[in-house]
C-alpha atoms as a PDB file:
ATOM      1  CA  MET A   1      22.662   6.528 -25.727  1.00  0.00           C
ATOM      2  CA  ARG A   2      19.158   5.690 -26.971  1.00  0.00           C
ATOM      3  CA  ALA A   3      16.143   7.005 -25.081  1.00  0.00           C
ATOM      4  CA  MET A   4      12.386   7.219 -25.448  1.00  0.00           C
ATOM      5  CA  VAL A   5      11.650  10.892 -24.843  1.00  0.00           C
ATOM      6  CA  LEU A   6       8.415  12.662 -23.953  1.00  0.00           C
ATOM      7  CA  GLY A   7       8.560  15.822 -26.041  1.00  0.00           C
ATOM      8  CA  LYS A   8       5.108  17.110 -25.121  1.00  0.00           C
ATOM      9  CA  VAL A   9       2.572  15.908 -22.579  1.00  0.00           C
ATOM     10  CA  GLY A  10      -0.115  13.796 -24.198  1.00  0.00           C
ATOM     11  CA  GLU A  11       1.960  12.892 -27.243  1.00  0.00           C
ATOM     12  CA  PRO A  12       3.735   9.569 -27.955  1.00  0.00           C
ATOM     13  CA  LEU A  13       7.322   9.114 -26.858  1.00  0.00           C
ATOM     14  CA  ALA A  14       9.973   9.515 -29.551  1.00  0.00           C
ATOM     15  CA  LEU A  15      13.194   7.526 -29.915  1.00  0.00           C
ATOM     16  CA  ARG A  16      16.229   9.816 -29.626  1.00  0.00           C
ATOM     17  CA  VAL A  17      19.973   9.255 -29.780  1.00  0.00           C
ATOM     18  CA  LEU A  18      21.557  11.414 -27.084  1.00  0.00           C
ATOM     19  CA  PRO A  19      25.062  11.855 -25.650  1.00  0.00           C
ATOM     20  CA  ASP A  20      25.837   9.539 -22.764  1.00  0.00           C
ATOM     21  CA  PRO A  21      25.146  11.508 -19.545  1.00  0.00           C
ATOM     22  CA  LEU A  22      27.983  12.206 -17.137  1.00  0.00           C
ATOM     23  CA  PRO A  23      27.506  11.516 -13.418  1.00  0.00           C
ATOM     24  CA  GLY A  24      27.892  14.526 -11.136  1.00  0.00           C
ATOM     25  CA  ASN A  25      28.952  14.623  -7.508  1.00  0.00           C
ATOM     26  CA  HIS A  26      27.578  11.655  -5.574  1.00  0.00           C
ATOM     27  CA  GLU A  27      25.985  10.233  -8.726  1.00  0.00           C
ATOM     28  CA  VAL A  28      26.520   7.084 -10.775  1.00  0.00           C
ATOM     29  CA  ARG A  29      25.805   6.214 -14.378  1.00  0.00           C
ATOM     30  CA  LEU A  30      24.210   2.863 -15.115  1.00  0.00           C
ATOM     31  CA  ARG A  31      23.901   0.766 -18.235  1.00  0.00           C
ATOM     32  CA  VAL A  32      20.212  -0.037 -18.152  1.00  0.00           C
ATOM     33  CA  GLU A  33      19.369  -3.742 -18.297  1.00  0.00           C
ATOM     34  CA  ALA A  34      15.602  -3.416 -17.826  1.00  0.00           C
ATOM     35  CA  CYS A  35      12.987  -0.862 -16.851  1.00  0.00           C
ATOM     36  CA  GLY A  36       9.470  -1.639 -15.755  1.00  0.00           C
ATOM     37  CA  VAL A  37       6.495   0.258 -17.126  1.00  0.00           C
ATOM     38  CA  CYS A  38       4.327   1.535 -14.297  1.00  0.00           C
ATOM     39  CA  ARG A  39       0.908   3.192 -14.129  1.00  0.00           C
ATOM     40  CA  THR A  40       2.693   6.246 -12.717  1.00  0.00           C
ATOM     41  CA  ASP A  41       4.465   6.520 -16.079  1.00  0.00           C
ATOM     42  CA  LEU A  42       1.006   6.812 -17.634  1.00  0.00           C
ATOM     43  CA  HIS A  43       0.123   9.591 -15.204  1.00  0.00           C
ATOM     44  CA  VAL A  44       3.303  11.417 -16.262  1.00  0.00           C
ATOM     45  CA  VAL A  45       2.973  11.088 -20.029  1.00  0.00           C
ATOM     46  CA  ASP A  46      -0.792  11.753 -19.954  1.00  0.00           C
ATOM     47  CA  GLY A  47      -0.321  14.919 -17.889  1.00  0.00           C
ATOM     48  CA  GLU A  48      -2.245  13.706 -14.853  1.00  0.00           C
ATOM     49  CA  LEU A  49       0.640  14.728 -12.599  1.00  0.00           C
ATOM     50  CA  PRO A  50       1.406  18.456 -12.326  1.00  0.00           C
ATOM     51  CA  ASN A  51       4.366  20.387 -13.712  1.00  0.00           C
ATOM     52  CA  VAL A  52       5.767  17.794 -16.100  1.00  0.00           C
ATOM     53  CA  ALA A  53       8.825  19.519 -17.581  1.00  0.00           C
ATOM     54  CA  THR A  54       9.576  18.313 -21.083  1.00  0.00           C
ATOM     55  CA  PRO A  55      11.589  16.950 -22.755  1.00  0.00           C
ATOM     56  CA  LEU A  56      11.638  14.100 -20.275  1.00  0.00           C
ATOM     57  CA  ILE A  57      12.723  10.444 -20.199  1.00  0.00           C
ATOM     58  CA  PRO A  58      10.134   8.499 -18.147  1.00  0.00           C
ATOM     59  CA  GLY A  59      10.701   5.266 -16.247  1.00  0.00           C
ATOM     60  CA  HIS A  60      11.388   4.531 -12.578  1.00  0.00           C
ATOM     61  CA  GLU A  61      11.586   0.742 -12.190  1.00  0.00           C
ATOM     62  CA  CYS A  62      15.119   0.645 -13.494  1.00  0.00           C
ATOM     63  CA  VAL A  63      17.739  -2.106 -13.121  1.00  0.00           C
ATOM     64  CA  GLY A  64      21.272  -1.508 -14.356  1.00  0.00           C
ATOM     65  CA  LEU A  65      24.995  -2.022 -13.927  1.00  0.00           C
ATOM     66  CA  VAL A  66      27.194   0.741 -12.558  1.00  0.00           C
ATOM     67  CA  GLU A  67      29.560   1.853 -15.318  1.00  0.00           C
ATOM     68  CA  ALA A  68      30.770   5.279 -14.100  1.00  0.00           C
ATOM     69  CA  LEU A  69      31.218   6.847 -10.669  1.00  0.00           C
ATOM     70  CA  GLY A  70      30.945  10.543  -9.903  1.00  0.00           C
ATOM     71  CA  SER A  71      33.102  12.180  -7.266  1.00  0.00           C
ATOM     72  CA  GLY A  72      32.296  11.426  -3.650  1.00  0.00           C
ATOM     73  CA  VAL A  73      30.541   8.126  -4.329  1.00  0.00           C
ATOM     74  CA  SER A  74      31.029   5.427  -1.715  1.00  0.00           C
ATOM     75  CA  GLY A  75      29.367   2.084  -1.176  1.00  0.00           C
ATOM     76  CA  LEU A  76      28.901   1.264  -4.873  1.00  0.00           C
ATOM     77  CA  GLU A  77      31.361  -0.350  -7.281  1.00  0.00           C
ATOM     78  CA  LEU A  78      31.802  -0.522 -11.022  1.00  0.00           C
ATOM     79  CA  GLY A  79      29.899  -3.452 -12.462  1.00  0.00           C
ATOM     80  CA  GLN A  80      27.536  -3.693  -9.504  1.00  0.00           C
ATOM     81  CA  ARG A  81      23.849  -4.306 -10.216  1.00  0.00           C
ATOM     82  CA  VAL A  82      21.510  -1.775  -8.604  1.00  0.00           C
ATOM     83  CA  GLY A  83      17.936  -0.594  -8.855  1.00  0.00           C
ATOM     84  CA  VAL A  84      16.749   2.961  -9.348  1.00  0.00           C
ATOM     85  CA  PRO A  85      13.271   3.509  -7.851  1.00  0.00           C
ATOM     86  CA  TRP A  86      10.714   6.339  -7.995  1.00  0.00           C
ATOM     87  CA  LEU A  87      12.256   8.288  -5.097  1.00  0.00           C
ATOM     88  CA  GLY A  88      15.364   9.768  -6.681  1.00  0.00           C
ATOM     89  CA  GLY A  89      16.466  12.179  -3.962  1.00  0.00           C
ATOM     90  CA  THR A  90      15.408  14.212  -0.944  1.00  0.00           C
ATOM     91  CA  CYS A  91      16.649  17.339   0.828  1.00  0.00           C
ATOM     92  CA  HIS A  92      17.652  15.703   4.163  1.00  0.00           C
ATOM     93  CA  HIS A  93      16.774  18.845   6.146  1.00  0.00           C
ATOM     94  CA  CYS A  94      13.009  19.488   5.992  1.00  0.00           C
ATOM     95  CA  GLU A  95      10.881  18.378   8.968  1.00  0.00           C
ATOM     96  CA  TYR A  96       9.811  15.192   7.182  1.00  0.00           C
ATOM     97  CA  CYS A  97      13.339  14.125   6.323  1.00  0.00           C
ATOM     98  CA  ARG A  98      14.490  14.857   9.864  1.00  0.00           C
ATOM     99  CA  GLU A  99      11.669  12.689  11.213  1.00  0.00           C
ATOM    100  CA  GLY A 100      12.565   9.735   8.969  1.00  0.00           C
ATOM    101  CA  ARG A 101       9.614  10.340   6.621  1.00  0.00           C
ATOM    102  CA  GLU A 102      11.595  11.148   3.505  1.00  0.00           C
ATOM    103  CA  ASN A 103       8.709   9.992   1.319  1.00  0.00           C
ATOM    104  CA  LEU A 104       6.997  13.261   2.306  1.00  0.00           C
ATOM    105  CA  CYS A 105      10.041  15.496   1.655  1.00  0.00           C
ATOM    106  CA  ASP A 106       9.117  19.075   0.711  1.00  0.00           C
ATOM    107  CA  THR A 107      11.566  19.156  -2.218  1.00  0.00           C
ATOM    108  CA  PRO A 108      11.910  15.580  -3.499  1.00  0.00           C
ATOM    109  CA  GLU A 109      13.299  14.317  -6.774  1.00  0.00           C
ATOM    110  CA  PHE A 110      11.481  11.586  -8.666  1.00  0.00           C
ATOM    111  CA  THR A 111      13.031   9.301 -11.254  1.00  0.00           C
ATOM    112  CA  GLY A 112      11.332   9.632 -14.615  1.00  0.00           C
ATOM    113  CA  TYR A 113       9.392  12.712 -13.506  1.00  0.00           C
ATOM    114  CA  THR A 114      11.662  15.448 -12.150  1.00  0.00           C
ATOM    115  CA  ARG A 115      14.897  13.778 -13.273  1.00  0.00           C
ATOM    116  CA  PRO A 116      15.653  11.588 -16.306  1.00  0.00           C
ATOM    117  CA  GLY A 117      14.362   8.042 -16.017  1.00  0.00           C
ATOM    118  CA  GLY A 118      15.055   4.543 -17.247  1.00  0.00           C
ATOM    119  CA  PHE A 119      13.330   4.378 -20.645  1.00  0.00           C
ATOM    120  CA  ALA A 120      16.857   4.576 -22.049  1.00  0.00           C
ATOM    121  CA  SER A 121      20.073   2.640 -22.458  1.00  0.00           C
ATOM    122  CA  ARG A 122      21.826   4.802 -19.830  1.00  0.00           C
ATOM    123  CA  ILE A 123      20.685   6.601 -16.678  1.00  0.00           C
ATOM    124  CA  VAL A 124      22.352   8.810 -14.073  1.00  0.00           C
ATOM    125  CA  ALA A 125      21.102   8.434 -10.504  1.00  0.00           C
ATOM    126  CA  ARG A 126      22.030   9.672  -7.039  1.00  0.00           C
ATOM    127  CA  ALA A 127      24.201   6.947  -5.591  1.00  0.00           C
ATOM    128  CA  ASP A 128      22.641   6.976  -2.123  1.00  0.00           C
ATOM    129  CA  TYR A 129      19.179   6.370  -3.609  1.00  0.00           C
ATOM    130  CA  CYS A 130      20.219   3.337  -5.630  1.00  0.00           C
ATOM    131  CA  ILE A 131      19.211  -0.039  -4.229  1.00  0.00           C
ATOM    132  CA  PRO A 132      21.903  -2.746  -4.305  1.00  0.00           C
ATOM    133  CA  LEU A 133      20.592  -5.913  -5.936  1.00  0.00           C
ATOM    134  CA  PRO A 134      21.956  -9.472  -5.983  1.00  0.00           C
ATOM    135  CA  ASP A 135      24.541 -10.211  -8.663  1.00  0.00           C
ATOM    136  CA  ASP A 136      22.480 -13.169  -9.849  1.00  0.00           C
ATOM    137  CA  ALA A 137      19.183 -11.234  -9.991  1.00  0.00           C
ATOM    138  CA  ASP A 138      17.189 -11.433 -13.203  1.00  0.00           C
ATOM    139  CA  PRO A 139      16.845  -7.787 -14.329  1.00  0.00           C
ATOM    140  CA  ILE A 140      13.543  -8.447 -16.111  1.00  0.00           C
ATOM    141  CA  ALA A 141      11.966 -10.211 -13.143  1.00  0.00           C
ATOM    142  CA  ILE A 142      13.175  -7.795 -10.493  1.00  0.00           C
ATOM    143  CA  ALA A 143      12.364  -4.511 -12.294  1.00  0.00           C
ATOM    144  CA  PRO A 144       8.647  -4.464 -11.301  1.00  0.00           C
ATOM    145  CA  LEU A 145       9.615  -4.874  -7.652  1.00  0.00           C
ATOM    146  CA  LEU A 146      11.177  -1.406  -7.649  1.00  0.00           C
ATOM    147  CA  CYS A 147       7.799   0.327  -7.636  1.00  0.00           C
ATOM    148  CA  ALA A 148       4.928  -2.131  -7.884  1.00  0.00           C
ATOM    149  CA  GLY A 149       6.628  -4.243  -5.245  1.00  0.00           C
ATOM    150  CA  LEU A 150       7.835  -1.448  -2.972  1.00  0.00           C
ATOM    151  CA  ILE A 151       4.670   0.661  -3.087  1.00  0.00           C
ATOM    152  CA  GLY A 152       2.585  -2.482  -2.701  1.00  0.00           C
ATOM    153  CA  TRP A 153       4.670  -3.462   0.322  1.00  0.00           C
ATOM    154  CA  ARG A 154       4.196  -0.033   1.918  1.00  0.00           C
ATOM    155  CA  CYS A 155       0.443  -0.312   1.283  1.00  0.00           C
ATOM    156  CA  LEU A 156       0.317  -3.779   2.835  1.00  0.00           C
ATOM    157  CA  VAL A 157       2.142  -2.566   5.952  1.00  0.00           C
ATOM    158  CA  LYS A 158      -0.209   0.431   6.130  1.00  0.00           C
ATOM    159  CA  ALA A 159      -3.208  -1.905   5.896  1.00  0.00           C
ATOM    160  CA  GLY A 160      -2.278  -3.498   9.225  1.00  0.00           C
ATOM    161  CA  ARG A 161      -2.187  -7.139  10.246  1.00  0.00           C
ATOM    162  CA  GLY A 162      -5.760  -8.067   9.356  1.00  0.00           C
ATOM    163  CA  LYS A 163      -6.339 -11.524   7.892  1.00  0.00           C
ATOM    164  CA  ARG A 164      -8.764 -10.610   5.082  1.00  0.00           C
ATOM    165  CA  ILE A 165      -7.321  -8.144   2.569  1.00  0.00           C
ATOM    166  CA  GLY A 166      -9.125  -6.778  -0.468  1.00  0.00           C
ATOM    167  CA  LEU A 167      -7.134  -5.658  -3.515  1.00  0.00           C
ATOM    168  CA  TYR A 168      -8.921  -3.348  -5.962  1.00  0.00           C
ATOM    169  CA  GLY A 169      -7.234  -3.308  -9.363  1.00  0.00           C
ATOM    170  CA  PHE A 170      -5.316  -6.479 -10.122  1.00  0.00           C
ATOM    171  CA  GLY A 171      -2.257  -5.244 -11.969  1.00  0.00           C
ATOM    172  CA  ALA A 172       1.481  -5.331 -11.337  1.00  0.00           C
ATOM    173  CA  ALA A 173       1.380  -4.355  -7.663  1.00  0.00           C
ATOM    174  CA  ALA A 174      -1.541  -6.621  -6.748  1.00  0.00           C
ATOM    175  CA  HIS A 175      -0.012  -9.701  -8.358  1.00  0.00           C
ATOM    176  CA  ILE A 176       3.108  -9.220  -6.226  1.00  0.00           C
ATOM    177  CA  ILE A 177       1.323  -8.354  -2.990  1.00  0.00           C
ATOM    178  CA  THR A 178      -1.050 -11.309  -3.330  1.00  0.00           C
ATOM    179  CA  GLN A 179       1.909 -13.660  -3.106  1.00  0.00           C
ATOM    180  CA  ILE A 180       3.310 -11.876  -0.045  1.00  0.00           C
ATOM    181  CA  ALA A 181      -0.048 -11.749   1.747  1.00  0.00           C
ATOM    182  CA  CYS A 182      -0.612 -15.449   1.118  1.00  0.00           C
ATOM    183  CA  ARG A 183       2.787 -16.242   2.568  1.00  0.00           C
ATOM    184  CA  GLN A 184       1.721 -14.227   5.630  1.00  0.00           C
ATOM    185  CA  GLN A 185      -1.304 -16.544   5.957  1.00  0.00           C
ATOM    186  CA  ARG A 186      -3.778 -13.846   4.926  1.00  0.00           C
ATOM    187  CA  GLY A 187      -6.784 -14.279   2.698  1.00  0.00           C
ATOM    188  CA  VAL A 188      -6.703 -12.152  -0.456  1.00  0.00           C
ATOM    189  CA  TYR A 189      -9.908 -10.959  -2.126  1.00  0.00           C
ATOM    190  CA  ALA A 190      -9.276  -9.664  -5.641  1.00  0.00           C
ATOM    191  CA  PHE A 191     -11.523  -7.041  -7.244  1.00  0.00           C
ATOM    192  CA  THR A 192     -11.213  -6.544 -10.993  1.00  0.00           C
ATOM    193  CA  ARG A 193     -12.913  -4.706 -13.813  1.00  0.00           C
ATOM    194  CA  ALA A 194     -16.382  -5.966 -14.635  1.00  0.00           C
ATOM    195  CA  GLY A 195     -16.152  -8.925 -16.988  1.00  0.00           C
ATOM    196  CA  ASP A 196     -12.386  -9.350 -16.655  1.00  0.00           C
ATOM    197  CA  ILE A 197     -12.424 -13.108 -16.238  1.00  0.00           C
ATOM    198  CA  ALA A 198      -8.737 -13.432 -17.141  1.00  0.00           C
ATOM    199  CA  ALA A 199      -7.683 -11.176 -14.263  1.00  0.00           C
ATOM    200  CA  ARG A 200      -9.805 -13.135 -11.811  1.00  0.00           C
ATOM    201  CA  THR A 201      -8.369 -16.426 -13.004  1.00  0.00           C
ATOM    202  CA  PHE A 202      -4.885 -14.928 -12.693  1.00  0.00           C
ATOM    203  CA  ALA A 203      -5.604 -13.766  -9.130  1.00  0.00           C
ATOM    204  CA  ARG A 204      -6.824 -17.213  -8.087  1.00  0.00           C
ATOM    205  CA  SER A 205      -3.747 -18.825  -9.639  1.00  0.00           C
ATOM    206  CA  LEU A 206      -1.611 -16.718  -7.294  1.00  0.00           C
ATOM    207  CA  GLY A 207      -3.573 -17.749  -4.211  1.00  0.00           C
ATOM    208  CA  ALA A 208      -6.524 -15.353  -3.928  1.00  0.00           C
ATOM    209  CA  VAL A 209      -9.370 -17.016  -2.022  1.00  0.00           C
ATOM    210  CA  TRP A 210     -12.023 -15.004  -3.918  1.00  0.00           C
ATOM    211  CA  ALA A 211     -12.104 -12.885  -7.063  1.00  0.00           C
ATOM    212  CA  GLY A 212     -14.939 -10.799  -8.431  1.00  0.00           C
ATOM    213  CA  SER A 213     -15.981  -7.477  -9.891  1.00  0.00           C
ATOM    214  CA  SER A 214     -15.059  -4.224  -8.147  1.00  0.00           C
ATOM    215  CA  GLY A 215     -18.785  -3.485  -8.032  1.00  0.00           C
ATOM    216  CA  GLU A 216     -19.478  -6.543  -5.871  1.00  0.00           C
ATOM    217  CA  LEU A 217     -19.257  -6.969  -2.131  1.00  0.00           C
ATOM    218  CA  PRO A 218     -17.033  -9.815  -0.885  1.00  0.00           C
ATOM    219  CA  PRO A 219     -18.617 -12.896   0.681  1.00  0.00           C
ATOM    220  CA  GLU A 220     -17.454 -11.734   4.129  1.00  0.00           C
ATOM    221  CA  PRO A 221     -16.336  -8.363   5.578  1.00  0.00           C
ATOM    222  CA  LEU A 222     -12.712  -7.426   5.024  1.00  0.00           C
ATOM    223  CA  ASP A 223     -10.202  -6.268   7.621  1.00  0.00           C
ATOM    224  CA  ALA A 224      -8.630  -3.876   5.119  1.00  0.00           C
ATOM    225  CA  ALA A 225      -8.653  -2.970   1.451  1.00  0.00           C
ATOM    226  CA  ILE A 226      -5.935  -1.581  -0.808  1.00  0.00           C
ATOM    227  CA  LEU A 227      -6.821   0.425  -3.895  1.00  0.00           C
ATOM    228  CA  PHE A 228      -4.306   0.172  -6.721  1.00  0.00           C
ATOM    229  CA  ALA A 229      -6.831   1.256  -9.371  1.00  0.00           C
ATOM    230  CA  PRO A 230      -6.833   5.079  -9.771  1.00  0.00           C
ATOM    231  CA  ALA A 231     -10.635   5.271  -9.564  1.00  0.00           C
ATOM    232  CA  GLY A 232     -12.039   7.427  -6.783  1.00  0.00           C
ATOM    233  CA  ASP A 233     -15.470   5.814  -6.994  1.00  0.00           C
ATOM    234  CA  LEU A 234     -13.917   2.639  -5.564  1.00  0.00           C
ATOM    235  CA  VAL A 235     -13.259   4.319  -2.203  1.00  0.00           C
ATOM    236  CA  PRO A 236     -16.919   4.241  -1.066  1.00  0.00           C
ATOM    237  CA  GLN A 237     -17.220   0.720  -2.460  1.00  0.00           C
ATOM    238  CA  ALA A 238     -14.195  -0.412  -0.450  1.00  0.00           C
ATOM    239  CA  LEU A 239     -15.555   1.254   2.705  1.00  0.00           C
ATOM    240  CA  ARG A 240     -18.720  -0.812   2.309  1.00  0.00           C
ATOM    241  CA  ALA A 241     -16.562  -3.947   2.036  1.00  0.00           C
ATOM    242  CA  VAL A 242     -14.498  -3.462   5.210  1.00  0.00           C
ATOM    243  CA  LYS A 243     -15.772  -4.231   8.679  1.00  0.00           C
ATOM    244  CA  LYS A 244     -15.935  -1.802  11.607  1.00  0.00           C
ATOM    245  CA  GLY A 245     -12.444  -0.576  12.421  1.00  0.00           C
ATOM    246  CA  GLY A 246     -11.299  -1.502   8.915  1.00  0.00           C
ATOM    247  CA  ARG A 247      -8.928   0.568   6.812  1.00  0.00           C
ATOM    248  CA  VAL A 248      -8.971   1.522   3.135  1.00  0.00           C
ATOM    249  CA  VAL A 249      -5.510   2.303   1.752  1.00  0.00           C
ATOM    250  CA  CYS A 250      -5.236   4.346  -1.448  1.00  0.00           C
ATOM    251  CA  GLY A 251      -1.961   3.327  -3.063  1.00  0.00           C
ATOM    252  CA  GLY A 252      -1.801   5.480  -6.196  1.00  0.00           C
ATOM    253  CA  ILE A 253      -0.104   8.795  -6.795  1.00  0.00           C
ATOM    254  CA  HIS A 254      -3.131   9.978  -8.781  1.00  0.00           C
ATOM    255  CA  MET A 255      -6.818   9.164  -8.464  1.00  0.00           C
ATOM    256  CA  SER A 256     -10.037  10.499  -9.921  1.00  0.00           C
ATOM    257  CA  ASP A 257     -12.277  12.436  -7.536  1.00  0.00           C
ATOM    258  CA  ILE A 258     -13.918  10.529  -4.705  1.00  0.00           C
ATOM    259  CA  PRO A 259     -17.714  10.904  -4.902  1.00  0.00           C
ATOM    260  CA  SER A 260     -19.857  11.753  -1.901  1.00  0.00           C
ATOM    261  CA  PHE A 261     -21.190   8.848   0.132  1.00  0.00           C
ATOM    262  CA  PRO A 262     -23.279   8.307   3.269  1.00  0.00           C
ATOM    263  CA  TYR A 263     -21.464   8.872   6.510  1.00  0.00           C
ATOM    264  CA  ARG A 264     -22.657   5.487   7.770  1.00  0.00           C
ATOM    265  CA  TRP A 265     -20.224   3.815   5.349  1.00  0.00           C
ATOM    266  CA  LEU A 266     -17.345   5.535   7.176  1.00  0.00           C
ATOM    267  CA  TRP A 267     -18.791   5.355  10.654  1.00  0.00           C
ATOM    268  CA  GLY A 268     -17.667   2.545  12.920  1.00  0.00           C
ATOM    269  CA  GLU A 269     -14.097   3.872  13.057  1.00  0.00           C
ATOM    270  CA  ARG A 270     -13.361   2.901   9.496  1.00  0.00           C
ATOM    271  CA  GLU A 271     -10.418   4.817   7.997  1.00  0.00           C
ATOM    272  CA  VAL A 272      -9.318   6.051   4.588  1.00  0.00           C
ATOM    273  CA  VAL A 273      -5.571   6.679   4.254  1.00  0.00           C
ATOM    274  CA  SER A 274      -3.143   7.261   1.403  1.00  0.00           C
ATOM    275  CA  VAL A 275       0.346   6.041   0.678  1.00  0.00           C
ATOM    276  CA  ALA A 276       2.756   8.587  -0.772  1.00  0.00           C
ATOM    277  CA  ASN A 277       5.949   7.512  -2.535  1.00  0.00           C
ATOM    278  CA  LEU A 278       8.350   5.286  -0.607  1.00  0.00           C
ATOM    279  CA  THR A 279      11.445   5.433   1.556  1.00  0.00           C
ATOM    280  CA  ARG A 280      14.803   3.762   1.289  1.00  0.00           C
ATOM    281  CA  ALA A 281      13.903   1.920   4.485  1.00  0.00           C
ATOM    282  CA  ASP A 282      10.926   0.411   2.643  1.00  0.00           C
ATOM    283  CA  ALA A 283      13.326  -1.030   0.080  1.00  0.00           C
ATOM    284  CA  HIS A 284      15.604  -2.428   2.776  1.00  0.00           C
ATOM    285  CA  ASP A 285      12.699  -4.038   4.636  1.00  0.00           C
ATOM    286  CA  PHE A 286      11.156  -5.417   1.455  1.00  0.00           C
ATOM    287  CA  PHE A 287      14.267  -7.102   0.110  1.00  0.00           C
ATOM    288  CA  ALA A 288      15.215  -8.396   3.576  1.00  0.00           C
ATOM    289  CA  ALA A 289      11.812  -9.920   4.378  1.00  0.00           C
ATOM    290  CA  GLY A 290      11.635 -13.676   3.982  1.00  0.00           C
ATOM    291  CA  GLU A 291       8.136 -13.576   2.481  1.00  0.00           C
ATOM    292  CA  CYS A 292       9.418 -11.270  -0.285  1.00  0.00           C
ATOM    293  CA  ARG A 293      12.063 -13.672  -1.573  1.00  0.00           C
ATOM    294  CA  ASP A 294      11.690 -15.619  -4.796  1.00  0.00           C
ATOM    295  CA  LEU A 295       8.523 -13.822  -5.810  1.00  0.00           C
ATOM    296  CA  ARG A 296       7.060 -14.746  -9.165  1.00  0.00           C
ATOM    297  CA  THR A 297       6.750 -11.656 -11.322  1.00  0.00           C
ATOM    298  CA  VAL A 298       4.753 -12.207 -14.485  1.00  0.00           C
ATOM    299  CA  THR A 299       6.359  -9.961 -17.073  1.00  0.00           C
ATOM    300  CA  HIS A 300       5.695  -8.948 -20.664  1.00  0.00           C
ATOM    301  CA  VAL A 301       8.910  -7.785 -22.336  1.00  0.00           C
ATOM    302  CA  TYR A 302       9.022  -5.049 -24.980  1.00  0.00           C
ATOM    303  CA  PRO A 303      12.040  -3.629 -26.795  1.00  0.00           C
ATOM    304  CA  LEU A 304      12.871  -0.084 -25.721  1.00  0.00           C
ATOM    305  CA  GLU A 305      11.616   1.221 -29.066  1.00  0.00           C
ATOM    306  CA  GLN A 306       8.146  -0.176 -28.300  1.00  0.00           C
ATOM    307  CA  ALA A 307       7.637   1.861 -25.132  1.00  0.00           C
ATOM    308  CA  ASN A 308       4.518   3.491 -26.592  1.00  0.00           C
ATOM    309  CA  ARG A 309       2.987   0.095 -27.276  1.00  0.00           C
ATOM    310  CA  ALA A 310       3.755  -1.009 -23.719  1.00  0.00           C
ATOM    311  CA  LEU A 311       2.090   2.132 -22.340  1.00  0.00           C
ATOM    312  CA  ASP A 312      -0.955   1.629 -24.565  1.00  0.00           C
ATOM    313  CA  ASP A 313      -1.274  -2.015 -23.524  1.00  0.00           C
ATOM    314  CA  LEU A 314      -1.039  -1.029 -19.858  1.00  0.00           C
ATOM    315  CA  ARG A 315      -3.617   1.719 -20.326  1.00  0.00           C
ATOM    316  CA  ALA A 316      -6.032  -0.704 -21.987  1.00  0.00           C
ATOM    317  CA  GLY A 317      -5.398  -3.548 -19.524  1.00  0.00           C
ATOM    318  CA  ARG A 318      -4.298  -5.945 -22.252  1.00  0.00           C
ATOM    319  CA  PHE A 319      -2.057  -8.089 -20.041  1.00  0.00           C
ATOM    320  CA  SER A 320      -1.806  -9.520 -16.551  1.00  0.00           C
ATOM    321  CA  GLY A 321       1.291  -8.768 -14.493  1.00  0.00           C
ATOM    322  CA  ALA A 322       3.838  -6.145 -15.478  1.00  0.00           C
ATOM    323  CA  ALA A 323       5.366  -4.705 -18.643  1.00  0.00           C
ATOM    324  CA  VAL A 324       9.156  -4.360 -18.840  1.00  0.00           C
ATOM    325  CA  LEU A 325      11.297  -2.561 -21.416  1.00  0.00           C
ATOM    326  CA  LYS A 326      14.620  -4.090 -22.449  1.00  0.00           C
ATOM    327  CA  PRO A 327      17.116  -1.770 -24.178  1.00  0.00           C
END
């Protein structure tokens, strides 16, 4: 198989030709059709997440066809299209798993971080953590849903049922969640980098009622705000934007330090919460929800060999929507 491999943290990925992996017990091997490029991949390759063991194949928004079954696999068939998300496995016996909060498992496995990911032509995944997808699904279009969509969905649920939602950082997740929130009859307020007129125009085209700089306050107080940008200095700014009783949801796996701020910005029973990973139940709820059907994902397709270019373009904010690798 071909794979883009991280040989050392902080260095570019290198194309390698490797033996096709063999699925173990309760695992399947997929022929990769598409793999999204996520900001979490940047955190991995740039060393912003701890204990990155190299060599490593990144990528966790993977869509593929089952081509080999390990022993003990049930519920999946050869030729079936499935998705492989960030959460690649859990222990099933820690207190969090027993309580149905597998996203907080003490010993989790993560696709493209602690196990080989989808920047490759083949991937092996735990069968019970694969997400069945429709046979007629477009692999390119659906790949970003496997993290940007699922994490965004979990953030939106965590934000509550308020009608005015602020989204800080208008990338892959925000462009999906804007569509869902609009279908739920909510008003979306998009906050972008200073001077990023293209992102604001993009947000309005998807239904946002207002778009401006992340340094601005919205024209009216928000019920909740979701931070997709990994910038800790946006937390105090978002607290200033939400009304009393409002909630600020931090959706990233990594964020720069949050600066000090006056207590009065938090007072009034405002809350700051984080979202960690996802659960298989999130995936089930997301793909079953009527407002999540037929979403428009704006994608920018790169050949597998151009994974470094895709990562650089994401890092620099050179596109709107999501990047997707196609082997």
